[in-house]
Structures are given as C-alpha cells and as structure tokens.
Amino acid sequence: MPEPVGSEPGGTAAGPGRVLVAVYAVFALAAGARAAVQVATRFAEAPVAYLLSALAAAVYVVATVGLARGGRGGRRTAVVACSVELAGVLVVGTLSLLDRAAFPDETVWSAFGRGYGFVPLVLPVLGLLWLRHQSEVAAEQEAAGTAPEDGPGRA
C-alpha cells in the first residue's frame, strides 16, 4: 500500500518541509487576496502591477501544491514554480526600482518584495534548496533500495 502523499522521509509531512509549505500557502492567500482587491477596485490605476500580483499568487499556489504533493512529479512542479518565482522577483524587483513610472503601485515582487519583508526574494531560494535536498535524499534512498514505490502523486 503506498504511503500518503508527502510522507516520504524528510518530506513535507513534518519539519522544515511542512513550514515551507505553510509559508507558501500563506503567501498564496496573501498575494491572491491583494490581487483580487486591487483588480476589483483599482484595476485602471496600475493594471500591470495588479496582474503581476495575480501571477505571483498563481505561482505561489502551484509551488504550494508541488511541495505538498511530494514525489518526483511534485518536486518537478515545485522546481518550475520556484524558478518562475525567483525570475519574477528579480525581473520585477529590478524594473520596479529602475522605472518607477511603470509601476505606479506595488506588486508582491516590487523592490524585491520589500512590502513583504523581502520574503518573496528569499522564499524561492529556500524552496529550491529544499527541493535539491529532497532530490538528493530520494536518490540516496533509490540507490539503497529503500525509496518508497511510486504510487499516486509520486510520478
């Protein structure tokens, strides 16, 4: 019988992995709520900024799901999401500082996430480091013949 999703040793069912999933979930909610309010009430003021906040929320949701799912498929999904997130923070953060007129209102990623205590800049780095660690653990287990069989959510 396959283990529950995310329950591999060192996975996201406990410890640092669970904290990472929780932080991503909080950011998904925060960015999503912010974007929803901005788009619904002030869209004409800064459409690019507000749509970027919505994009950030979507990326956080995908990262949360990938991290929580675990297994190879979940890790691949989370790596893509964390990579897109890091690129977004770096590009939007740089552009928002160089061309303030292009961003009349802040996004989640503006000024490298300054409005969120720079967590949006640090979070994808931590996520990618965690995912690399998880891949190494999975490779070691596979080499030792102790890796759980791929079941649902482990493709």
N, C-alpha and C. Protein backbone atom coordinates (compact mmCIF):
# COMPACT_ATOMS: atom_id res chain seq x y z
N MET A 1 0.85 -1.18 0.00
CA MET A 1 0.00 0.00 0.00
C MET A 1 0.89 1.24 0.00
N PRO A 2 0.67 2.19 -0.92
CA PRO A 2 1.52 3.38 -0.98
C PRO A 2 1.31 4.27 0.24
N GLU A 3 2.40 4.97 0.60
CA GLU A 3 2.31 5.91 1.71
C GLU A 3 1.52 7.14 1.28
N PRO A 4 0.95 7.90 2.23
CA PRO A 4 0.24 9.13 1.87
C PRO A 4 1.18 10.10 1.16
N VAL A 5 0.60 10.91 0.30
CA VAL A 5 1.37 11.90 -0.44
C VAL A 5 2.12 12.80 0.53
N GLY A 6 3.39 13.09 0.21
CA GLY A 6 4.19 13.98 1.04
C GLY A 6 4.74 13.32 2.29
N SER A 7 4.60 11.99 2.43
CA SER A 7 5.03 11.35 3.67
C SER A 7 6.39 10.69 3.57
N GLU A 8 7.11 10.88 2.46
CA GLU A 8 8.42 10.28 2.37
C GLU A 8 9.33 10.84 3.46
N PRO A 9 10.31 10.06 3.92
CA PRO A 9 11.19 10.55 4.97
C PRO A 9 11.82 11.87 4.57
N GLY A 10 11.77 12.85 5.48
CA GLY A 10 12.34 14.15 5.20
C GLY A 10 11.49 14.99 4.27
N GLY A 11 10.29 14.53 3.94
CA GLY A 11 9.41 15.23 3.01
C GLY A 11 8.71 16.40 3.66
N THR A 12 7.56 16.73 3.13
CA THR A 12 6.85 17.91 3.62
C THR A 12 5.78 17.57 4.65
N ALA A 13 5.72 16.31 5.10
CA ALA A 13 4.72 15.93 6.09
C ALA A 13 5.11 16.40 7.49
N ALA A 14 6.37 16.77 7.69
CA ALA A 14 6.82 17.22 9.01
C ALA A 14 8.05 18.10 8.84
N GLY A 15 8.40 18.82 9.91
CA GLY A 15 9.64 19.57 9.95
C GLY A 15 9.71 20.75 9.00
N PRO A 16 10.92 21.02 8.48
CA PRO A 16 11.13 22.19 7.62
C PRO A 16 10.26 22.16 6.37
N GLY A 17 10.00 20.99 5.84
CA GLY A 17 9.16 20.90 4.65
C GLY A 17 7.75 21.39 4.91
N ARG A 18 7.21 21.03 6.07
CA ARG A 18 5.87 21.48 6.44
C ARG A 18 5.83 23.00 6.61
N VAL A 19 6.87 23.55 7.21
CA VAL A 19 6.94 25.01 7.39
C VAL A 19 6.99 25.69 6.02
N LEU A 20 7.78 25.16 5.11
CA LEU A 20 7.90 25.73 3.77
C LEU A 20 6.54 25.70 3.06
N VAL A 21 5.83 24.60 3.14
CA VAL A 21 4.50 24.51 2.53
C VAL A 21 3.57 25.53 3.17
N ALA A 22 3.62 25.67 4.49
CA ALA A 22 2.75 26.62 5.18
C ALA A 22 3.04 28.06 4.75
N VAL A 23 4.31 28.41 4.64
CA VAL A 23 4.67 29.77 4.23
C VAL A 23 4.20 30.02 2.81
N TYR A 24 4.40 29.06 1.92
CA TYR A 24 3.92 29.22 0.55
C TYR A 24 2.40 29.37 0.52
N ALA A 25 1.70 28.61 1.32
CA ALA A 25 0.24 28.70 1.36
C ALA A 25 -0.20 30.08 1.85
N VAL A 26 0.46 30.60 2.87
CA VAL A 26 0.14 31.93 3.38
C VAL A 26 0.39 32.98 2.30
N PHE A 27 1.51 32.85 1.60
CA PHE A 27 1.80 33.81 0.54
C PHE A 27 0.82 33.69 -0.62
N ALA A 28 0.37 32.49 -0.92
CA ALA A 28 -0.63 32.31 -1.97
C ALA A 28 -1.92 33.05 -1.58
N LEU A 29 -2.33 32.90 -0.33
CA LEU A 29 -3.53 33.60 0.15
C LEU A 29 -3.33 35.11 0.18
N ALA A 30 -2.19 35.56 0.69
CA ALA A 30 -1.92 37.00 0.80
C ALA A 30 -1.85 37.65 -0.58
N ALA A 31 -1.09 37.05 -1.48
CA ALA A 31 -0.95 37.63 -2.82
C ALA A 31 -2.28 37.55 -3.58
N GLY A 32 -3.01 36.45 -3.41
CA GLY A 32 -4.29 36.30 -4.08
C GLY A 32 -5.32 37.32 -3.58
N ALA A 33 -5.38 37.50 -2.27
CA ALA A 33 -6.32 38.48 -1.71
C ALA A 33 -5.94 39.89 -2.14
N ARG A 34 -4.66 40.20 -2.10
CA ARG A 34 -4.21 41.52 -2.52
C ARG A 34 -4.58 41.76 -3.98
N ALA A 35 -4.27 40.81 -4.85
CA ALA A 35 -4.57 40.95 -6.27
C ALA A 35 -6.06 41.07 -6.51
N ALA A 36 -6.86 40.27 -5.83
CA ALA A 36 -8.31 40.32 -6.01
C ALA A 36 -8.86 41.70 -5.66
N VAL A 37 -8.42 42.25 -4.55
CA VAL A 37 -8.89 43.57 -4.14
C VAL A 37 -8.41 44.63 -5.13
N GLN A 38 -7.14 44.56 -5.53
CA GLN A 38 -6.60 45.55 -6.46
C GLN A 38 -7.31 45.50 -7.81
N VAL A 39 -7.49 44.31 -8.33
CA VAL A 39 -8.14 44.17 -9.64
C VAL A 39 -9.60 44.61 -9.56
N ALA A 40 -10.28 44.26 -8.49
CA ALA A 40 -11.70 44.58 -8.35
C ALA A 40 -11.96 46.07 -8.09
N THR A 41 -11.03 46.75 -7.43
CA THR A 41 -11.32 48.12 -7.01
C THR A 41 -10.52 49.20 -7.72
N ARG A 42 -9.31 48.86 -8.20
CA ARG A 42 -8.45 49.92 -8.75
C ARG A 42 -7.71 49.48 -10.01
N PHE A 43 -8.24 48.55 -10.76
CA PHE A 43 -7.53 47.97 -11.89
C PHE A 43 -6.98 49.01 -12.86
N ALA A 44 -7.76 50.05 -13.16
CA ALA A 44 -7.34 51.06 -14.14
C ALA A 44 -6.11 51.85 -13.68
N GLU A 45 -5.86 51.91 -12.38
CA GLU A 45 -4.73 52.68 -11.86
C GLU A 45 -3.39 52.07 -12.20
N ALA A 46 -3.28 50.75 -12.13
CA ALA A 46 -2.00 50.08 -12.37
C ALA A 46 -2.25 48.64 -12.81
N PRO A 47 -2.78 48.44 -14.00
CA PRO A 47 -3.15 47.08 -14.42
C PRO A 47 -1.98 46.11 -14.46
N VAL A 48 -0.82 46.55 -14.89
CA VAL A 48 0.34 45.65 -14.96
C VAL A 48 0.73 45.19 -13.56
N ALA A 49 0.80 46.12 -12.64
CA ALA A 49 1.19 45.77 -11.27
C ALA A 49 0.19 44.80 -10.65
N TYR A 50 -1.10 45.03 -10.87
CA TYR A 50 -2.11 44.19 -10.26
C TYR A 50 -2.16 42.81 -10.89
N LEU A 51 -1.93 42.75 -12.19
CA LEU A 51 -1.88 41.44 -12.85
C LEU A 51 -0.62 40.67 -12.43
N LEU A 52 0.47 41.38 -12.19
CA LEU A 52 1.67 40.71 -11.69
C LEU A 52 1.44 40.14 -10.29
N SER A 53 0.68 40.84 -9.48
CA SER A 53 0.34 40.30 -8.15
C SER A 53 -0.50 39.04 -8.30
N ALA A 54 -1.42 39.04 -9.26
CA ALA A 54 -2.23 37.84 -9.51
C ALA A 54 -1.36 36.69 -10.01
N LEU A 55 -0.40 37.00 -10.88
CA LEU A 55 0.53 35.98 -11.36
C LEU A 55 1.34 35.42 -10.19
N ALA A 56 1.82 36.29 -9.31
CA ALA A 56 2.57 35.84 -8.14
C ALA A 56 1.72 34.89 -7.30
N ALA A 57 0.45 35.23 -7.11
CA ALA A 57 -0.44 34.37 -6.33
C ALA A 57 -0.57 33.00 -6.98
N ALA A 58 -0.73 32.97 -8.30
CA ALA A 58 -0.85 31.70 -9.01
C ALA A 58 0.42 30.87 -8.87
N VAL A 59 1.56 31.52 -8.97
CA VAL A 59 2.84 30.81 -8.83
C VAL A 59 2.97 30.24 -7.42
N TYR A 60 2.56 31.01 -6.41
CA TYR A 60 2.62 30.51 -5.03
C TYR A 60 1.69 29.31 -4.84
N VAL A 61 0.53 29.33 -5.48
CA VAL A 61 -0.39 28.19 -5.37
C VAL A 61 0.26 26.95 -5.99
N VAL A 62 0.83 27.09 -7.17
CA VAL A 62 1.47 25.95 -7.85
C VAL A 62 2.63 25.42 -7.01
N ALA A 63 3.44 26.32 -6.46
CA ALA A 63 4.56 25.89 -5.61
C ALA A 63 4.05 25.16 -4.37
N THR A 64 3.00 25.68 -3.76
CA THR A 64 2.43 25.04 -2.57
C THR A 64 1.97 23.62 -2.89
N VAL A 65 1.25 23.48 -3.98
CA VAL A 65 0.74 22.16 -4.36
C VAL A 65 1.90 21.21 -4.66
N GLY A 66 2.88 21.67 -5.42
CA GLY A 66 4.03 20.82 -5.75
C GLY A 66 4.79 20.38 -4.51
N LEU A 67 5.04 21.32 -3.61
CA LEU A 67 5.76 20.98 -2.38
C LEU A 67 4.95 20.02 -1.51
N ALA A 68 3.66 20.26 -1.39
CA ALA A 68 2.82 19.41 -0.55
C ALA A 68 2.64 18.02 -1.16
N ARG A 69 2.59 17.97 -2.47
CA ARG A 69 2.39 16.68 -3.15
C ARG A 69 3.58 15.76 -2.96
N GLY A 70 4.78 16.29 -3.07
CA GLY A 70 5.97 15.46 -2.92
C GLY A 70 6.19 14.55 -4.10
N GLY A 71 7.09 13.61 -3.96
CA GLY A 71 7.42 12.70 -5.04
C GLY A 71 8.11 13.43 -6.18
N ARG A 72 8.48 12.68 -7.20
CA ARG A 72 9.18 13.29 -8.34
C ARG A 72 8.34 14.33 -9.05
N GLY A 73 7.08 14.01 -9.30
CA GLY A 73 6.21 14.95 -10.01
C GLY A 73 5.99 16.24 -9.24
N GLY A 74 5.77 16.10 -7.95
CA GLY A 74 5.58 17.28 -7.10
C GLY A 74 6.84 18.13 -7.05
N ARG A 75 7.99 17.46 -6.95
CA ARG A 75 9.26 18.21 -6.92
C ARG A 75 9.47 18.94 -8.23
N ARG A 76 9.19 18.28 -9.35
CA ARG A 76 9.37 18.94 -10.66
C ARG A 76 8.46 20.16 -10.76
N THR A 77 7.22 20.01 -10.36
CA THR A 77 6.27 21.12 -10.39
C THR A 77 6.77 22.27 -9.53
N ALA A 78 7.21 21.95 -8.32
CA ALA A 78 7.69 22.97 -7.38
C ALA A 78 8.96 23.64 -7.88
N VAL A 79 9.85 22.89 -8.53
CA VAL A 79 11.09 23.49 -9.07
C VAL A 79 10.73 24.52 -10.14
N VAL A 80 9.81 24.16 -11.02
CA VAL A 80 9.40 25.10 -12.07
C VAL A 80 8.78 26.35 -11.42
N ALA A 81 7.87 26.14 -10.48
CA ALA A 81 7.21 27.27 -9.83
C ALA A 81 8.20 28.16 -9.08
N CYS A 82 9.11 27.55 -8.33
CA CYS A 82 10.09 28.34 -7.58
C CYS A 82 11.04 29.08 -8.52
N SER A 83 11.37 28.46 -9.64
CA SER A 83 12.24 29.11 -10.62
C SER A 83 11.55 30.30 -11.27
N VAL A 84 10.28 30.13 -11.63
CA VAL A 84 9.50 31.24 -12.20
C VAL A 84 9.37 32.35 -11.16
N GLU A 85 9.13 31.95 -9.93
CA GLU A 85 9.01 32.93 -8.84
C GLU A 85 10.30 33.73 -8.67
N LEU A 86 11.43 33.04 -8.63
CA LEU A 86 12.70 33.73 -8.46
C LEU A 86 12.97 34.68 -9.63
N ALA A 87 12.72 34.21 -10.85
CA ALA A 87 12.91 35.07 -12.02
C ALA A 87 11.98 36.29 -11.94
N GLY A 88 10.73 36.06 -11.54
CA GLY A 88 9.78 37.16 -11.41
C GLY A 88 10.21 38.18 -10.39
N VAL A 89 10.65 37.71 -9.24
CA VAL A 89 11.10 38.63 -8.18
C VAL A 89 12.30 39.44 -8.68
N LEU A 90 13.23 38.80 -9.34
CA LEU A 90 14.42 39.50 -9.80
C LEU A 90 14.10 40.50 -10.92
N VAL A 91 13.30 40.09 -11.89
CA VAL A 91 12.96 40.97 -13.01
C VAL A 91 12.06 42.11 -12.55
N VAL A 92 10.95 41.78 -11.88
CA VAL A 92 10.02 42.82 -11.44
C VAL A 92 10.69 43.71 -10.40
N GLY A 93 11.45 43.11 -9.50
CA GLY A 93 12.15 43.90 -8.49
C GLY A 93 13.09 44.91 -9.11
N THR A 94 13.85 44.48 -10.10
CA THR A 94 14.78 45.38 -10.78
C THR A 94 14.04 46.46 -11.55
N LEU A 95 13.04 46.05 -12.36
CA LEU A 95 12.29 47.02 -13.16
C LEU A 95 11.55 48.03 -12.29
N SER A 96 11.02 47.57 -11.16
CA SER A 96 10.27 48.49 -10.29
C SER A 96 11.17 49.54 -9.66
N LEU A 97 12.45 49.23 -9.53
CA LEU A 97 13.39 50.23 -8.99
C LEU A 97 13.94 51.14 -10.09
N LEU A 98 14.12 50.59 -11.29
CA LEU A 98 14.68 51.37 -12.40
C LEU A 98 13.64 52.28 -13.06
N ASP A 99 12.40 51.83 -13.15
CA ASP A 99 11.36 52.59 -13.83
C ASP A 99 10.12 52.66 -12.95
N ARG A 100 10.15 53.53 -11.99
CA ARG A 100 9.04 53.64 -11.04
C ARG A 100 7.73 54.02 -11.71
N ALA A 101 7.79 54.73 -12.82
CA ALA A 101 6.58 55.14 -13.53
C ALA A 101 5.83 53.93 -14.11
N ALA A 102 6.56 52.87 -14.43
CA ALA A 102 5.93 51.67 -14.96
C ALA A 102 5.16 50.90 -13.89
N PHE A 103 5.45 51.18 -12.63
CA PHE A 103 4.81 50.51 -11.51
C PHE A 103 4.25 51.56 -10.55
N PRO A 104 3.11 52.18 -10.92
CA PRO A 104 2.56 53.22 -10.06
C PRO A 104 2.07 52.70 -8.71
N ASP A 105 1.88 51.40 -8.60
CA ASP A 105 1.53 50.80 -7.32
C ASP A 105 2.37 49.53 -7.19
N GLU A 106 2.59 49.09 -5.97
CA GLU A 106 3.46 47.94 -5.75
C GLU A 106 2.79 46.63 -6.08
N THR A 107 3.62 45.67 -6.47
CA THR A 107 3.21 44.28 -6.62
C THR A 107 3.84 43.51 -5.47
N VAL A 108 3.53 42.25 -5.39
CA VAL A 108 4.15 41.40 -4.37
C VAL A 108 5.67 41.38 -4.58
N TRP A 109 6.08 41.43 -5.85
CA TRP A 109 7.50 41.31 -6.17
C TRP A 109 8.23 42.64 -6.33
N SER A 110 7.52 43.78 -6.21
CA SER A 110 8.15 45.09 -6.36
C SER A 110 9.27 45.26 -5.34
N ALA A 111 10.34 45.92 -5.81
CA ALA A 111 11.50 46.20 -4.95
C ALA A 111 11.94 44.93 -4.22
N PHE A 112 11.90 43.81 -4.95
CA PHE A 112 12.34 42.51 -4.44
C PHE A 112 11.53 42.04 -3.23
N GLY A 113 10.26 42.45 -3.18
CA GLY A 113 9.38 42.02 -2.09
C GLY A 113 9.52 42.84 -0.83
N ARG A 114 9.96 44.07 -0.98
CA ARG A 114 10.18 44.94 0.19
C ARG A 114 8.91 45.05 1.05
N GLY A 115 7.73 45.14 0.41
CA GLY A 115 6.47 45.27 1.14
C GLY A 115 6.13 44.05 1.97
N TYR A 116 6.80 42.95 1.71
CA TYR A 116 6.57 41.70 2.45
C TYR A 116 7.84 41.27 3.19
N GLY A 117 8.65 42.24 3.55
CA GLY A 117 9.86 41.94 4.32
C GLY A 117 10.89 41.14 3.54
N PHE A 118 10.90 41.27 2.22
CA PHE A 118 11.84 40.58 1.32
C PHE A 118 11.67 39.06 1.34
N VAL A 119 10.61 38.58 1.95
CA VAL A 119 10.34 37.14 1.94
C VAL A 119 10.17 36.62 0.51
N PRO A 120 9.51 37.38 -0.39
CA PRO A 120 9.39 36.89 -1.77
C PRO A 120 10.75 36.68 -2.47
N LEU A 121 11.78 37.35 -2.02
CA LEU A 121 13.11 37.15 -2.59
C LEU A 121 13.78 35.92 -1.99
N VAL A 122 13.61 35.71 -0.72
CA VAL A 122 14.26 34.60 -0.01
C VAL A 122 13.52 33.27 -0.21
N LEU A 123 12.20 33.32 -0.28
CA LEU A 123 11.39 32.11 -0.33
C LEU A 123 11.73 31.17 -1.50
N PRO A 124 11.86 31.67 -2.74
CA PRO A 124 12.19 30.72 -3.81
C PRO A 124 13.58 30.12 -3.67
N VAL A 125 14.50 30.86 -3.10
CA VAL A 125 15.84 30.32 -2.88
C VAL A 125 15.76 29.18 -1.87
N LEU A 126 15.04 29.41 -0.77
CA LEU A 126 14.87 28.34 0.23
C LEU A 126 14.13 27.15 -0.38
N GLY A 127 13.11 27.45 -1.18
CA GLY A 127 12.36 26.37 -1.82
C GLY A 127 13.24 25.54 -2.74
N LEU A 128 14.04 26.19 -3.56
CA LEU A 128 14.93 25.46 -4.47
C LEU A 128 15.99 24.66 -3.72
N LEU A 129 16.52 25.23 -2.64
CA LEU A 129 17.49 24.49 -1.83
C LEU A 129 16.84 23.26 -1.19
N TRP A 130 15.63 23.43 -0.68
CA TRP A 130 14.91 22.30 -0.08
C TRP A 130 14.64 21.22 -1.11
N LEU A 131 14.22 21.64 -2.29
CA LEU A 131 13.92 20.67 -3.36
C LEU A 131 15.18 19.93 -3.80
N ARG A 132 16.30 20.62 -3.85
CA ARG A 132 17.56 19.95 -4.18
C ARG A 132 17.89 18.91 -3.12
N HIS A 133 17.72 19.30 -1.87
CA HIS A 133 17.95 18.36 -0.76
C HIS A 133 17.03 17.15 -0.89
N GLN A 134 15.75 17.39 -1.18
CA GLN A 134 14.79 16.29 -1.32
C GLN A 134 15.17 15.36 -2.47
N SER A 135 15.66 15.92 -3.56
CA SER A 135 16.10 15.09 -4.69
C SER A 135 17.30 14.24 -4.31
N GLU A 136 18.22 14.81 -3.54
CA GLU A 136 19.39 14.05 -3.08
C GLU A 136 18.97 12.92 -2.16
N VAL A 137 18.03 13.20 -1.25
CA VAL A 137 17.53 12.16 -0.33
C VAL A 137 16.87 11.05 -1.12
N ALA A 138 16.05 11.42 -2.10
CA ALA A 138 15.35 10.43 -2.91
C ALA A 138 16.35 9.58 -3.70
N ALA A 139 17.40 10.22 -4.24
CA ALA A 139 18.42 9.48 -5.00
C ALA A 139 19.17 8.51 -4.10
N GLU A 140 19.50 8.94 -2.88
CA GLU A 140 20.18 8.06 -1.92
C GLU A 140 19.30 6.88 -1.56
N GLN A 141 18.02 7.13 -1.33
CA GLN A 141 17.09 6.05 -0.99
C GLN A 141 16.94 5.08 -2.15
N GLU A 142 16.88 5.61 -3.34
CA GLU A 142 16.75 4.77 -4.52
C GLU A 142 18.00 3.91 -4.70
N ALA A 143 19.15 4.50 -4.48
CA ALA A 143 20.40 3.75 -4.60
C ALA A 143 20.50 2.66 -3.54
N ALA A 144 19.95 2.94 -2.37
CA ALA A 144 19.99 1.96 -1.29
C ALA A 144 18.83 0.97 -1.38
N GLY A 145 17.92 1.21 -2.31
CA GLY A 145 16.78 0.32 -2.47
C GLY A 145 15.72 0.51 -1.41
N THR A 146 15.70 1.68 -0.76
CA THR A 146 14.72 1.93 0.29
C THR A 146 13.69 2.98 -0.08
N ALA A 147 13.72 3.46 -1.33
CA ALA A 147 12.78 4.50 -1.74
C ALA A 147 11.38 3.90 -1.81
N PRO A 148 10.38 4.65 -1.33
CA PRO A 148 9.01 4.15 -1.45
C PRO A 148 8.66 4.03 -2.93
N GLU A 149 7.84 3.03 -3.24
CA GLU A 149 7.41 2.86 -4.62
C GLU A 149 6.59 4.06 -5.06
N ASP A 150 6.68 4.35 -6.35
CA ASP A 150 5.88 5.44 -6.88
C ASP A 150 4.42 5.01 -6.90
N GLY A 151 3.63 5.71 -6.16
CA GLY A 151 2.19 5.49 -6.14
C GLY A 151 1.52 6.76 -6.61
N PRO A 152 0.28 6.94 -6.24
CA PRO A 152 -0.42 8.16 -6.62
C PRO A 152 0.36 9.37 -6.09
N GLY A 153 0.56 10.34 -6.93
CA GLY A 153 1.27 11.55 -6.51
C GLY A 153 2.77 11.40 -6.51
N ARG A 154 3.30 10.32 -7.03
CA ARG A 154 4.74 10.13 -7.00
C ARG A 154 5.32 9.94 -8.39
N ALA A 155 4.60 10.31 -9.38
CA ALA A 155 5.06 10.12 -10.78
C ALA A 155 6.26 10.98 -11.10
